[in-house]
C-alpha atoms as a PDB file:
ATOM      1  CA  MET A   1      26.618  -1.379  63.861  1.00  0.00           C
ATOM      2  CA  THR A   2      25.322   2.118  64.549  1.00  0.00           C
ATOM      3  CA  SER A   3      25.295   3.091  60.872  1.00  0.00           C
ATOM      4  CA  GLN A   4      22.050   3.044  58.893  1.00  0.00           C
ATOM      5  CA  ILE A   5      23.986   0.956  56.355  1.00  0.00           C
ATOM      6  CA  LYS A   6      23.449  -2.745  57.107  1.00  0.00           C
ATOM      7  CA  ALA A   7      25.345  -4.337  54.194  1.00  0.00           C
ATOM      8  CA  VAL A   8      28.277  -3.320  52.005  1.00  0.00           C
ATOM      9  CA  ILE A   9      28.561  -4.503  48.401  1.00  0.00           C
ATOM     10  CA  PHE A  10      31.907  -4.511  46.599  1.00  0.00           C
ATOM     11  CA  ASP A  11      32.684  -4.631  42.928  1.00  0.00           C
ATOM     12  CA  PHE A  12      35.849  -6.681  42.271  1.00  0.00           C
ATOM     13  CA  GLY A  13      37.700  -5.515  39.145  1.00  0.00           C
ATOM     14  CA  GLY A  14      39.234  -2.096  39.692  1.00  0.00           C
ATOM     15  CA  VAL A  15      38.233  -2.057  43.371  1.00  0.00           C
ATOM     16  CA  LEU A  16      39.798  -5.149  44.964  1.00  0.00           C
ATOM     17  CA  ILE A  17      41.686  -6.649  42.014  1.00  0.00           C
ATOM     18  CA  GLY A  18      43.318  -4.649  39.239  1.00  0.00           C
ATOM     19  CA  TRP A  19      42.277  -5.561  35.685  1.00  0.00           C
ATOM     20  CA  ASP A  20      43.376  -4.057  32.391  1.00  0.00           C
ATOM     21  CA  PRO A  21      43.562  -5.876  29.035  1.00  0.00           C
ATOM     22  CA  ARG A  22      46.418  -3.541  28.100  1.00  0.00           C
ATOM     23  CA  ASN A  23      48.544  -5.295  30.691  1.00  0.00           C
ATOM     24  CA  LEU A  24      48.217  -8.407  28.548  1.00  0.00           C
ATOM     25  CA  TYR A  25      48.282  -6.849  25.105  1.00  0.00           C
ATOM     26  CA  SER A  26      51.262  -4.552  25.678  1.00  0.00           C
ATOM     27  CA  ARG A  27      53.654  -7.427  24.983  1.00  0.00           C
ATOM     28  CA  PHE A  28      51.972  -8.007  21.609  1.00  0.00           C
ATOM     29  CA  PHE A  29      52.443  -4.324  20.778  1.00  0.00           C
ATOM     30  CA  PRO A  30      55.939  -3.513  22.112  1.00  0.00           C
ATOM     31  CA  GLU A  31      56.511   0.243  22.146  1.00  0.00           C
ATOM     32  CA  GLN A  32      53.280   0.664  20.133  1.00  0.00           C
ATOM     33  CA  PRO A  33      50.630   1.932  22.571  1.00  0.00           C
ATOM     34  CA  GLN A  34      48.689   3.715  19.818  1.00  0.00           C
ATOM     35  CA  ALA A  35      48.512   0.558  17.681  1.00  0.00           C
ATOM     36  CA  MET A  36      47.244  -1.371  20.713  1.00  0.00           C
ATOM     37  CA  GLU A  37      44.509   1.193  21.332  1.00  0.00           C
ATOM     38  CA  GLU A  38      43.500   1.062  17.680  1.00  0.00           C
ATOM     39  CA  PHE A  39      43.212  -2.731  17.861  1.00  0.00           C
ATOM     40  CA  LEU A  40      41.081  -2.637  21.021  1.00  0.00           C
ATOM     41  CA  ALA A  41      38.805  -0.016  19.445  1.00  0.00           C
ATOM     42  CA  GLU A  42      38.597  -1.848  16.123  1.00  0.00           C
ATOM     43  CA  ILE A  43      37.248  -5.046  17.674  1.00  0.00           C
ATOM     44  CA  SER A  44      35.127  -3.153  20.279  1.00  0.00           C
ATOM     45  CA  PHE A  45      36.951  -5.091  22.967  1.00  0.00           C
ATOM     46  CA  MET A  46      34.989  -3.871  25.986  1.00  0.00           C
ATOM     47  CA  GLU A  47      31.607  -4.604  24.413  1.00  0.00           C
ATOM     48  CA  TRP A  48      32.818  -8.025  23.264  1.00  0.00           C
ATOM     49  CA  ASN A  49      34.254  -8.867  26.668  1.00  0.00           C
ATOM     50  CA  ALA A  50      31.056  -7.797  28.429  1.00  0.00           C
ATOM     51  CA  GLN A  51      29.217 -10.670  26.741  1.00  0.00           C
ATOM     52  CA  GLN A  52      31.619 -13.155  28.349  1.00  0.00           C
ATOM     53  CA  ASP A  53      30.943 -11.416  31.663  1.00  0.00           C
ATOM     54  CA  LYS A  54      27.269 -12.101  30.982  1.00  0.00           C
ATOM     55  CA  GLY A  55      27.876 -15.796  30.459  1.00  0.00           C
ATOM     56  CA  ARG A  56      28.880 -16.310  26.826  1.00  0.00           C
ATOM     57  CA  PRO A  57      31.493 -19.101  26.553  1.00  0.00           C
ATOM     58  CA  PHE A  58      34.964 -17.868  25.616  1.00  0.00           C
ATOM     59  CA  ALA A  59      35.371 -20.435  22.835  1.00  0.00           C
ATOM     60  CA  GLU A  60      32.201 -19.172  21.166  1.00  0.00           C
ATOM     61  CA  ALA A  61      33.226 -15.536  21.668  1.00  0.00           C
ATOM     62  CA  VAL A  62      36.684 -16.021  20.159  1.00  0.00           C
ATOM     63  CA  ALA A  63      35.261 -17.907  17.178  1.00  0.00           C
ATOM     64  CA  LEU A  64      32.667 -15.230  16.446  1.00  0.00           C
ATOM     65  CA  LEU A  65      35.047 -12.301  16.687  1.00  0.00           C
ATOM     66  CA  SER A  66      37.813 -14.072  14.759  1.00  0.00           C
ATOM     67  CA  LYS A  67      35.365 -14.680  11.924  1.00  0.00           C
ATOM     68  CA  GLN A  68      34.472 -10.981  11.940  1.00  0.00           C
ATOM     69  CA  PHE A  69      38.114  -9.859  12.113  1.00  0.00           C
ATOM     70  CA  PRO A  70      40.159 -12.716  10.581  1.00  0.00           C
ATOM     71  CA  HIS A  71      43.258 -10.528  10.309  1.00  0.00           C
ATOM     72  CA  ARG A  72      43.114 -10.117  14.112  1.00  0.00           C
ATOM     73  CA  ALA A  73      42.347 -13.754  14.955  1.00  0.00           C
ATOM     74  CA  GLN A  74      45.690 -14.451  16.630  1.00  0.00           C
ATOM     75  CA  LEU A  75      45.378 -11.412  18.882  1.00  0.00           C
ATOM     76  CA  ILE A  76      41.778 -12.261  19.753  1.00  0.00           C
ATOM     77  CA  SER A  77      42.754 -15.800  20.743  1.00  0.00           C
ATOM     78  CA  ALA A  78      45.629 -14.394  22.774  1.00  0.00           C
ATOM     79  CA  TYR A  79      43.193 -12.891  25.264  1.00  0.00           C
ATOM     80  CA  GLN A  80      41.674 -16.255  26.140  1.00  0.00           C
ATOM     81  CA  GLU A  81      45.046 -18.017  26.129  1.00  0.00           C
ATOM     82  CA  ASN A  82      46.794 -15.421  28.302  1.00  0.00           C
ATOM     83  CA  TRP A  83      43.853 -14.015  30.238  1.00  0.00           C
ATOM     84  CA  LYS A  84      45.580 -14.052  33.640  1.00  0.00           C
ATOM     85  CA  GLU A  85      48.019 -11.432  32.348  1.00  0.00           C
ATOM     86  CA  SER A  86      45.135  -8.930  32.293  1.00  0.00           C
ATOM     87  CA  LEU A  87      45.080  -8.999  36.106  1.00  0.00           C
ATOM     88  CA  THR A  88      47.373  -6.340  37.533  1.00  0.00           C
ATOM     89  CA  GLY A  89      47.365  -7.445  41.173  1.00  0.00           C
ATOM     90  CA  VAL A  90      45.513  -7.039  44.449  1.00  0.00           C
ATOM     91  CA  ILE A  91      44.534  -3.517  45.523  1.00  0.00           C
ATOM     92  CA  GLU A  92      45.863  -3.994  49.046  1.00  0.00           C
ATOM     93  CA  GLY A  93      44.394  -0.850  50.569  1.00  0.00           C
ATOM     94  CA  THR A  94      40.872  -1.907  49.667  1.00  0.00           C
ATOM     95  CA  VAL A  95      41.446  -5.433  50.964  1.00  0.00           C
ATOM     96  CA  GLU A  96      42.508  -3.930  54.316  1.00  0.00           C
ATOM     97  CA  LEU A  97      39.209  -2.030  54.444  1.00  0.00           C
ATOM     98  CA  LEU A  98      37.324  -5.216  53.576  1.00  0.00           C
ATOM     99  CA  ARG A  99      38.982  -7.003  56.498  1.00  0.00           C
ATOM    100  CA  ALA A 100      38.228  -4.093  58.839  1.00  0.00           C
ATOM    101  CA  LEU A 101      34.546  -4.162  57.889  1.00  0.00           C
ATOM    102  CA  LYS A 102      34.443  -7.908  58.481  1.00  0.00           C
ATOM    103  CA  GLU A 103      35.964  -7.452  61.933  1.00  0.00           C
ATOM    104  CA  LYS A 104      33.227  -4.908  62.689  1.00  0.00           C
ATOM    105  CA  GLY A 105      30.620  -7.536  61.852  1.00  0.00           C
ATOM    106  CA  CYS A 106      29.419  -5.852  58.666  1.00  0.00           C
ATOM    107  CA  PRO A 107      27.657  -8.159  56.179  1.00  0.00           C
ATOM    108  CA  LEU A 108      29.709  -8.173  52.964  1.00  0.00           C
ATOM    109  CA  TYR A 109      28.603  -8.996  49.433  1.00  0.00           C
ATOM    110  CA  GLY A 110      30.381  -9.156  46.090  1.00  0.00           C
ATOM    111  CA  LEU A 111      28.674  -7.956  42.910  1.00  0.00           C
ATOM    112  CA  SER A 112      30.994  -8.362  39.960  1.00  0.00           C
ATOM    113  CA  ASN A 113      30.857  -8.367  36.177  1.00  0.00           C
ATOM    114  CA  TRP A 114      33.158 -11.332  35.585  1.00  0.00           C
ATOM    115  CA  SER A 115      33.105 -14.398  33.379  1.00  0.00           C
ATOM    116  CA  ALA A 116      32.369 -17.535  35.381  1.00  0.00           C
ATOM    117  CA  GLU A 117      35.039 -19.336  33.330  1.00  0.00           C
ATOM    118  CA  THR A 118      37.868 -16.975  34.182  1.00  0.00           C
ATOM    119  CA  PHE A 119      36.747 -16.274  37.760  1.00  0.00           C
ATOM    120  CA  GLY A 120      36.932 -19.985  38.442  1.00  0.00           C
ATOM    121  CA  ILE A 121      40.570 -20.022  37.319  1.00  0.00           C
ATOM    122  CA  VAL A 122      41.741 -17.517  39.935  1.00  0.00           C
ATOM    123  CA  ARG A 123      39.229 -17.489  42.778  1.00  0.00           C
ATOM    124  CA  HIS A 124      41.442 -19.689  44.958  1.00  0.00           C
ATOM    125  CA  GLU A 125      44.317 -17.212  44.554  1.00  0.00           C
ATOM    126  CA  PHE A 126      42.452 -14.462  46.433  1.00  0.00           C
ATOM    127  CA  GLU A 127      41.704 -15.776  49.916  1.00  0.00           C
ATOM    128  CA  PHE A 128      40.044 -12.488  50.910  1.00  0.00           C
ATOM    129  CA  LEU A 129      37.106 -13.460  48.690  1.00  0.00           C
ATOM    130  CA  ASN A 130      36.173 -15.855  51.503  1.00  0.00           C
ATOM    131  CA  LEU A 131      35.257 -12.824  53.624  1.00  0.00           C
ATOM    132  CA  PHE A 132      32.086 -12.280  51.594  1.00  0.00           C
ATOM    133  CA  ASP A 133      28.764 -13.596  52.839  1.00  0.00           C
ATOM    134  CA  GLU A 134      27.815 -14.159  49.210  1.00  0.00           C
ATOM    135  CA  ILE A 135      29.148 -13.338  45.748  1.00  0.00           C
ATOM    136  CA  ILE A 136      26.819 -12.505  42.860  1.00  0.00           C
ATOM    137  CA  LEU A 137      28.807 -13.093  39.690  1.00  0.00           C
ATOM    138  CA  SER A 138      27.404 -11.849  36.394  1.00  0.00           C
ATOM    139  CA  GLY A 139      28.710 -14.845  34.473  1.00  0.00           C
ATOM    140  CA  GLU A 140      26.841 -17.216  36.776  1.00  0.00           C
ATOM    141  CA  VAL A 141      23.507 -15.383  36.979  1.00  0.00           C
ATOM    142  CA  LYS A 142      23.573 -14.286  33.291  1.00  0.00           C
ATOM    143  CA  LEU A 143      22.849 -10.686  34.267  1.00  0.00           C
ATOM    144  CA  ILE A 144      25.268  -7.791  34.133  1.00  0.00           C
ATOM    145  CA  LYS A 145      25.719  -4.354  35.678  1.00  0.00           C
ATOM    146  CA  PRO A 146      24.325  -1.776  34.987  1.00  0.00           C
ATOM    147  CA  GLU A 147      21.165  -3.801  34.288  1.00  0.00           C
ATOM    148  CA  PRO A 148      18.722  -3.180  37.147  1.00  0.00           C
ATOM    149  CA  GLU A 149      17.875  -6.891  37.338  1.00  0.00           C
ATOM    150  CA  ILE A 150      21.265  -7.825  38.786  1.00  0.00           C
ATOM    151  CA  PHE A 151      20.939  -5.177  41.503  1.00  0.00           C
ATOM    152  CA  ILE A 152      17.448  -6.412  42.344  1.00  0.00           C
ATOM    153  CA  LEU A 153      18.770  -9.975  42.551  1.00  0.00           C
ATOM    154  CA  CYS A 154      21.494  -8.743  44.896  1.00  0.00           C
ATOM    155  CA  LEU A 155      18.903  -7.130  47.176  1.00  0.00           C
ATOM    156  CA  GLN A 156      16.924 -10.364  47.242  1.00  0.00           C
ATOM    157  CA  LYS A 157      20.050 -12.217  48.378  1.00  0.00           C
ATOM    158  CA  ILE A 158      20.774  -9.620  51.066  1.00  0.00           C
ATOM    159  CA  GLY A 159      17.195  -9.325  52.283  1.00  0.00           C
ATOM    160  CA  LYS A 160      17.452  -5.596  52.995  1.00  0.00           C
ATOM    161  CA  PRO A 161      16.187  -2.479  51.172  1.00  0.00           C
ATOM    162  CA  ALA A 162      18.534  -0.614  48.852  1.00  0.00           C
ATOM    163  CA  SER A 163      18.621   2.355  51.246  1.00  0.00           C
ATOM    164  CA  GLN A 164      20.408   0.159  53.816  1.00  0.00           C
ATOM    165  CA  CYS A 165      23.004  -1.080  51.324  1.00  0.00           C
ATOM    166  CA  LEU A 166      26.235   0.653  50.324  1.00  0.00           C
ATOM    167  CA  PHE A 167      27.443  -0.180  46.808  1.00  0.00           C
ATOM    168  CA  ILE A 168      31.092   0.434  45.850  1.00  0.00           C
ATOM    169  CA  ASP A 169      32.171   0.375  42.193  1.00  0.00           C
ATOM    170  CA  ASP A 170      34.788   2.059  40.005  1.00  0.00           C
ATOM    171  CA  SER A 171      32.315   2.412  37.107  1.00  0.00           C
ATOM    172  CA  GLU A 172      30.324   5.625  37.149  1.00  0.00           C
ATOM    173  CA  THR A 173      27.699   3.995  34.901  1.00  0.00           C
ATOM    174  CA  ASN A 174      27.124   1.263  37.489  1.00  0.00           C
ATOM    175  CA  ILE A 175      27.016   3.816  40.309  1.00  0.00           C
ATOM    176  CA  ILE A 176      24.334   5.830  38.504  1.00  0.00           C
ATOM    177  CA  ALA A 177      22.250   2.675  37.966  1.00  0.00           C
ATOM    178  CA  ALA A 178      22.500   1.739  41.646  1.00  0.00           C
ATOM    179  CA  LYS A 179      21.568   5.245  42.786  1.00  0.00           C
ATOM    180  CA  LYS A 180      18.407   5.109  40.676  1.00  0.00           C
ATOM    181  CA  LEU A 181      17.378   2.010  42.625  1.00  0.00           C
ATOM    182  CA  GLY A 182      17.952   3.719  45.964  1.00  0.00           C
ATOM    183  CA  PHE A 183      21.368   2.372  46.969  1.00  0.00           C
ATOM    184  CA  ASP A 184      23.834   4.461  48.892  1.00  0.00           C
ATOM    185  CA  THR A 185      26.947   4.501  46.708  1.00  0.00           C
ATOM    186  CA  VAL A 186      30.646   5.276  46.627  1.00  0.00           C
ATOM    187  CA  HIS A 187      32.324   5.793  43.270  1.00  0.00           C
ATOM    188  CA  PHE A 188      35.677   4.125  43.934  1.00  0.00           C
ATOM    189  CA  ILE A 189      38.667   6.375  43.293  1.00  0.00           C
ATOM    190  CA  SER A 190      41.231   5.093  45.786  1.00  0.00           C
ATOM    191  CA  PRO A 191      41.390   3.125  49.043  1.00  0.00           C
ATOM    192  CA  GLU A 192      42.040   6.380  50.904  1.00  0.00           C
ATOM    193  CA  HIS A 193      38.900   7.992  49.504  1.00  0.00           C
ATOM    194  CA  LEU A 194      36.866   4.878  50.263  1.00  0.00           C
ATOM    195  CA  LYS A 195      38.139   4.775  53.858  1.00  0.00           C
ATOM    196  CA  ASN A 196      36.968   8.349  54.363  1.00  0.00           C
ATOM    197  CA  GLU A 197      33.527   7.526  52.918  1.00  0.00           C
ATOM    198  CA  LEU A 198      33.205   4.502  55.214  1.00  0.00           C
ATOM    199  CA  GLN A 199      34.155   6.601  58.240  1.00  0.00           C
ATOM    200  CA  ILE A 200      31.589   9.252  57.309  1.00  0.00           C
ATOM    201  CA  ARG A 201      28.950   6.491  57.350  1.00  0.00           C
ATOM    202  CA  GLU A 202      30.250   5.271  60.750  1.00  0.00           C
ATOM    203  CA  LEU A 203      31.123   1.877  59.282  1.00  0.00           C
ATOM    204  CA  LEU A 204      34.724   2.122  60.465  1.00  0.00           C
END
């Protein structure tokens, strides 16, 4: 590799695998997108879900939130029971870039906010995850992006300084956190945009 980048770190959800709770909840709110948004906002879905990404057991999470919002208990349970419906499919263009980087001999790492419970359900369905040298999963290490500790742990696993690592994520908040620690970053918009950024860095 002629690039100054010696390792590439991929986020999963929104970069390699599509995820959106609305894909699941839309069937509980047929032709009612506004009502669905109001429900997600009412229960602070993203903040609640982030705690599962950080390692909180789903059973505990559902029980706590159902107690807080008893009139929404059935919908809250529906997320755990039908979780796979929140996945919207593989982002093929990004997977092609992942394979191309692997063929070039680039060390690849995964750094994902994902519940260990749910990741374990589907990991075998995405064979491209085997291309990674190592995966740092928030639900396993009990740390979560954008906390600096999870980025520092990632660097320890890689054994290279942040300046030699390219971090790719669809969350601007996570990108900002990584930049502060010295990572080179790409805010993921599309596979086409990412391909151009990789070529600029002479990784492809």
